[in-house]
């Protein structure tokens, strides 16, 4: 892959990669480092992509594996309250509606940060509109595991958002 094609790939997939890094790392000081490391790993390995899965699935798998290995090296769990889904857009012209949506959004992000890291990855991929099958391929589990865990994660998030 030449530089121009890689730049286009980063422009198209970069926000999703960043959100997934953030889902796994939270709002830590390491976030930008992990994102950079993911891009380097994709650049180094793209020539070895065999097409056994879709390019998107392969990119997400590289992202998850890089985040996991980076955090293992750091041996510390990040914490923080920055926005995980920074690029989530909501359409509003009414200030009150906007404030309510922003409050719900921040509450969701805070709740997601309270999940176990592997659940943050699953819900991050789910929020990227990936299918259960695609998520299963990325995290190396079966589709049933993903479906059961998404249900549990949704229940946990609902409780966290209701009761803090």
Protein backbone atom coordinates (compact mmCIF):
# COMPACT_ATOMS: atom_id res chain seq x y z
CA UNK A 1 0.00 0.00 0.00
CA UNK A 2 1.41 3.36 -0.93
CA UNK A 3 1.41 6.41 1.32
CA UNK A 4 -1.55 8.08 -0.40
CA UNK A 5 -3.74 4.98 -0.06
CA UNK A 6 -2.73 4.67 3.60
CA UNK A 7 -3.57 8.33 4.22
CA UNK A 8 -7.00 7.75 2.68
CA UNK A 9 -7.48 4.68 4.86
CA UNK A 10 -6.59 6.69 7.98
CA UNK A 11 -8.89 9.52 6.94
CA UNK A 12 -11.76 7.08 6.45
CA UNK A 13 -11.14 4.69 9.36
CA UNK A 14 -9.17 6.91 11.76
CA UNK A 15 -12.14 8.19 13.79
CA UNK A 16 -13.41 4.63 14.33
CA UNK A 17 -9.95 3.43 15.29
CA UNK A 18 -9.58 6.32 17.71
CA UNK A 19 -12.97 5.66 19.32
CA UNK A 20 -12.10 2.00 19.74
CA UNK A 21 -8.76 2.90 21.32
CA UNK A 22 -10.64 5.20 23.64
CA UNK A 23 -13.16 2.48 24.45
CA UNK A 24 -10.34 0.28 25.59
CA UNK A 25 -7.98 2.82 27.16
CA UNK A 26 -10.49 5.28 28.53
CA UNK A 27 -9.42 8.88 28.74
CA UNK A 28 -5.86 8.15 29.73
CA UNK A 29 -2.67 9.95 28.86
CA UNK A 30 -1.79 6.83 26.87
CA UNK A 31 -4.67 7.20 24.40
CA UNK A 32 -2.79 9.12 21.72
CA UNK A 33 0.20 6.79 22.10
CA UNK A 34 -2.00 3.74 21.59
CA UNK A 35 -3.69 5.32 18.58
CA UNK A 36 -0.31 6.14 17.06
CA UNK A 37 0.92 2.61 17.76
CA UNK A 38 -2.17 1.16 16.05
CA UNK A 39 -1.55 3.23 12.93
CA UNK A 40 2.09 2.14 12.85
CA UNK A 41 1.09 -1.50 13.24
CA UNK A 42 -1.48 -1.21 10.46
CA UNK A 43 1.11 0.43 8.18
CA UNK A 44 3.66 -2.31 8.92
CA UNK A 45 1.23 -5.20 8.52
CA UNK A 46 -1.08 -4.06 5.70
CA UNK A 47 1.07 -5.79 3.09
CA UNK A 48 0.46 -9.09 4.94
CA UNK A 49 -3.33 -8.69 4.89
CA UNK A 50 -4.58 -11.90 3.24
CA UNK A 51 -8.23 -11.02 2.87
CA UNK A 52 -9.45 -13.85 5.13
CA UNK A 53 -11.79 -11.28 6.67
CA UNK A 54 -12.94 -7.85 5.61
CA UNK A 55 -10.40 -5.04 5.82
CA UNK A 56 -12.52 -3.38 8.51
CA UNK A 57 -12.49 -6.51 10.67
CA UNK A 58 -8.74 -6.84 10.22
CA UNK A 59 -8.19 -3.19 11.18
CA UNK A 60 -10.37 -3.55 14.29
CA UNK A 61 -8.48 -6.71 15.27
CA UNK A 62 -5.12 -4.91 14.91
CA UNK A 63 -6.56 -2.06 17.01
CA UNK A 64 -7.78 -4.32 19.80
CA UNK A 65 -4.60 -6.40 19.88
CA UNK A 66 -2.41 -3.30 19.94
CA UNK A 67 -4.43 -1.72 22.75
CA UNK A 68 -4.30 -4.90 24.81
CA UNK A 69 -0.55 -5.36 24.39
CA UNK A 70 0.15 -1.68 25.08
CA UNK A 71 -1.84 -1.74 28.30
CA UNK A 72 -0.20 -4.98 29.40
CA UNK A 73 3.17 -3.28 28.99
CA UNK A 74 2.01 -0.33 31.07
CA UNK A 75 0.58 -2.56 33.85
CA UNK A 76 -1.67 0.23 35.03
CA UNK A 77 -5.34 0.81 34.47
CA UNK A 78 -6.27 4.25 33.13
CA UNK A 79 -9.11 6.25 34.52
CA UNK A 80 -10.77 9.46 33.54
CA UNK A 81 -13.94 11.05 32.38
CA UNK A 82 -13.19 12.33 28.88
CA UNK A 83 -15.63 11.51 26.11
CA UNK A 84 -15.18 8.03 24.64
CA UNK A 85 -17.40 8.69 21.69
CA UNK A 86 -15.96 12.12 20.97
CA UNK A 87 -17.21 12.24 17.42
CA UNK A 88 -20.77 11.25 18.28
CA UNK A 89 -22.91 13.91 16.70
CA UNK A 90 -26.37 14.94 17.72
CA UNK A 91 -28.56 17.33 15.84
CA UNK A 92 -30.14 20.06 17.93
CA UNK A 93 -31.22 23.61 17.64
CA UNK A 94 -32.84 23.85 21.05
CA UNK A 95 -30.37 24.66 23.85
CA UNK A 96 -32.34 22.75 26.50
CA UNK A 97 -32.49 19.65 24.32
CA UNK A 98 -28.77 19.99 23.64
CA UNK A 99 -27.97 20.23 27.34
CA UNK A 100 -30.11 17.17 28.12
CA UNK A 101 -28.45 15.18 25.34
CA UNK A 102 -25.01 16.28 26.50
CA UNK A 103 -25.82 15.23 30.05
CA UNK A 104 -27.05 11.81 28.86
CA UNK A 105 -24.01 11.45 26.64
CA UNK A 106 -21.60 12.23 29.49
CA UNK A 107 -23.50 9.89 31.78
CA UNK A 108 -23.18 7.12 29.16
CA UNK A 109 -19.45 7.75 28.80
CA UNK A 110 -18.93 7.70 32.55
CA UNK A 111 -20.90 4.46 32.76
CA UNK A 112 -18.88 2.87 29.95
CA UNK A 113 -15.65 3.76 31.74
CA UNK A 114 -16.87 1.75 34.75
CA UNK A 115 -17.09 -1.45 32.68
CA UNK A 116 -14.36 -4.07 32.53
CA UNK A 117 -11.89 -3.42 29.67
CA UNK A 118 -13.11 -6.37 27.59
CA UNK A 119 -16.69 -5.11 27.91
CA UNK A 120 -15.62 -1.60 26.88
CA UNK A 121 -14.15 -3.10 23.71
CA UNK A 122 -17.31 -5.07 22.93
CA UNK A 123 -19.62 -2.09 23.48
CA UNK A 124 -17.22 0.16 21.54
CA UNK A 125 -17.39 -2.18 18.54
CA UNK A 126 -21.16 -2.48 18.94
CA UNK A 127 -21.49 1.31 18.92
CA UNK A 128 -19.50 1.31 15.67
CA UNK A 129 -22.44 -0.67 14.18
CA UNK A 130 -20.46 -3.85 13.71
CA UNK A 131 -22.41 -7.09 13.54
CA UNK A 132 -22.11 -9.70 16.29
CA UNK A 133 -20.20 -11.86 13.81
CA UNK A 134 -17.70 -9.09 13.05
CA UNK A 135 -17.22 -8.37 16.75
CA UNK A 136 -16.69 -12.08 17.42
CA UNK A 137 -14.02 -12.25 14.72
CA UNK A 138 -12.23 -9.22 16.12
CA UNK A 139 -12.15 -10.35 19.74
CA UNK A 140 -11.63 -14.03 18.95
CA UNK A 141 -14.84 -15.33 20.52
CA UNK A 142 -17.97 -16.89 19.08
CA UNK A 143 -21.11 -15.00 18.08
CA UNK A 144 -23.14 -16.35 21.02
CA UNK A 145 -20.55 -15.03 23.47
CA UNK A 146 -20.83 -11.59 21.89
CA UNK A 147 -24.64 -11.61 21.91
CA UNK A 148 -24.86 -12.70 25.54
CA UNK A 149 -22.28 -10.14 26.63
CA UNK A 150 -23.88 -7.29 24.71
CA UNK A 151 -27.15 -8.05 26.49
CA UNK A 152 -25.37 -8.07 29.85
CA UNK A 153 -23.44 -4.91 29.05
CA UNK A 154 -26.64 -3.09 28.09
CA UNK A 155 -28.24 -4.16 31.38
CA UNK A 156 -25.18 -3.04 33.33
CA UNK A 157 -25.11 0.32 31.52
CA UNK A 158 -28.80 0.83 32.18
CA UNK A 159 -28.27 0.23 35.90
CA UNK A 160 -25.21 2.44 36.01
CA UNK A 161 -27.03 5.26 34.25
CA UNK A 162 -30.08 4.98 36.51
CA UNK A 163 -28.28 4.65 39.81
CA UNK A 164 -24.92 6.22 39.12
